[in-house]
Amino acid sequence: MFGSGVYAGWIVVDLRALLALALLAVGVSLLLLGLLVRKRAWHEYVTLFVALSSILLIAGFFLLQTGLHHPVIVERDFFPLR
């Protein structure tokens, strides 16, 4: 174990941005399901909702992190413990 050690760090999560992004993803998913999907079984609605909201949440997260320069998760500092 030459050169290796134990490290720690500070990671900051912007909960307001994460909550707003999650609510926006859920709202848009419900809107799309209500407008575009008709006469399906209940489990297909649930599956489509989970898939759409997950895709929108991940896409919005990466858009905020990289494209809009408003990071949701930031690593502030990493430092060795020993």
Protein backbone atom coordinates (compact mmCIF):
# COMPACT_ATOMS: atom_id res chain seq x y z
CA MET A 1 0.00 0.00 0.00
CA PHE A 2 2.57 2.48 -1.12
CA GLY A 3 1.17 5.93 -1.73
CA SER A 4 -2.38 5.02 -0.84
CA GLY A 5 -4.23 6.44 2.10
CA VAL A 6 -7.55 7.30 3.57
CA TYR A 7 -9.28 10.35 2.19
CA ALA A 8 -12.34 12.30 3.23
CA GLY A 9 -14.23 15.14 1.63
CA TRP A 10 -17.04 17.64 1.74
CA ILE A 11 -19.86 17.12 -0.73
CA VAL A 12 -22.61 19.72 -1.02
CA VAL A 13 -26.08 18.91 -2.39
CA ASP A 14 -28.40 21.75 -3.43
CA LEU A 15 -31.69 20.39 -2.08
CA ARG A 16 -33.78 23.25 -3.49
CA ALA A 17 -32.60 22.55 -7.04
CA LEU A 18 -33.01 18.80 -6.57
CA LEU A 19 -36.55 19.18 -5.18
CA ALA A 20 -37.56 21.60 -7.94
CA LEU A 21 -36.13 19.26 -10.56
CA ALA A 22 -37.96 16.26 -9.08
CA LEU A 23 -41.30 18.10 -8.92
CA LEU A 24 -40.86 19.35 -12.48
CA ALA A 25 -40.08 15.82 -13.71
CA VAL A 26 -43.14 14.38 -11.93
CA GLY A 27 -45.41 17.15 -13.25
CA VAL A 28 -44.25 16.86 -16.84
CA SER A 29 -44.55 13.07 -16.67
CA LEU A 30 -48.13 13.30 -15.42
CA LEU A 31 -48.94 15.86 -18.10
CA LEU A 32 -47.51 13.69 -20.87
CA LEU A 33 -49.33 10.60 -19.59
CA GLY A 34 -52.60 12.50 -19.40
CA LEU A 35 -52.27 13.93 -22.88
CA LEU A 36 -50.73 11.10 -24.89
CA VAL A 37 -51.69 7.77 -23.31
CA ARG A 38 -55.23 6.43 -23.42
CA LYS A 39 -56.95 3.21 -22.33
CA ARG A 40 -54.13 1.17 -20.89
CA ALA A 41 -53.93 -1.15 -17.91
CA TRP A 42 -52.96 0.45 -14.59
CA HIS A 43 -49.56 -1.23 -14.47
CA GLU A 44 -48.68 0.25 -17.86
CA TYR A 45 -49.48 3.74 -16.52
CA VAL A 46 -47.24 3.13 -13.51
CA THR A 47 -44.42 1.79 -15.68
CA LEU A 48 -44.64 4.70 -18.10
CA PHE A 49 -44.76 7.20 -15.23
CA VAL A 50 -41.67 5.77 -13.54
CA ALA A 51 -39.78 5.59 -16.83
CA LEU A 52 -40.69 9.11 -17.95
CA SER A 53 -40.02 10.74 -14.60
CA SER A 54 -36.68 8.94 -14.27
CA ILE A 55 -35.58 9.97 -17.76
CA LEU A 56 -36.62 13.57 -17.19
CA LEU A 57 -34.96 13.72 -13.77
CA ILE A 58 -31.66 12.34 -15.08
CA ALA A 59 -31.73 14.59 -18.16
CA GLY A 60 -32.50 17.65 -16.04
CA PHE A 61 -29.79 16.74 -13.55
CA PHE A 62 -27.15 16.50 -16.28
CA LEU A 63 -28.44 19.67 -17.90
CA LEU A 64 -28.10 21.58 -14.63
CA GLN A 65 -24.71 20.06 -13.79
CA THR A 66 -23.02 20.65 -17.14
CA GLY A 67 -25.00 22.86 -19.48
CA LEU A 68 -26.44 25.55 -17.24
CA HIS A 69 -23.52 25.69 -14.78
CA HIS A 70 -25.83 25.42 -11.75
CA PRO A 71 -24.50 22.28 -10.07
CA VAL A 72 -26.80 20.19 -7.91
CA ILE A 73 -23.94 18.18 -6.39
CA VAL A 74 -20.54 19.78 -5.78
CA GLU A 75 -17.44 18.32 -4.17
CA ARG A 76 -15.98 21.15 -2.11
CA ASP A 77 -12.80 19.64 -0.73
CA PHE A 78 -10.98 16.32 -0.57
CA PHE A 79 -8.20 15.86 1.94
CA PRO A 80 -6.08 13.01 3.32
CA LEU A 81 -6.83 11.78 6.82
CA ARG A 82 -3.39 10.28 7.43
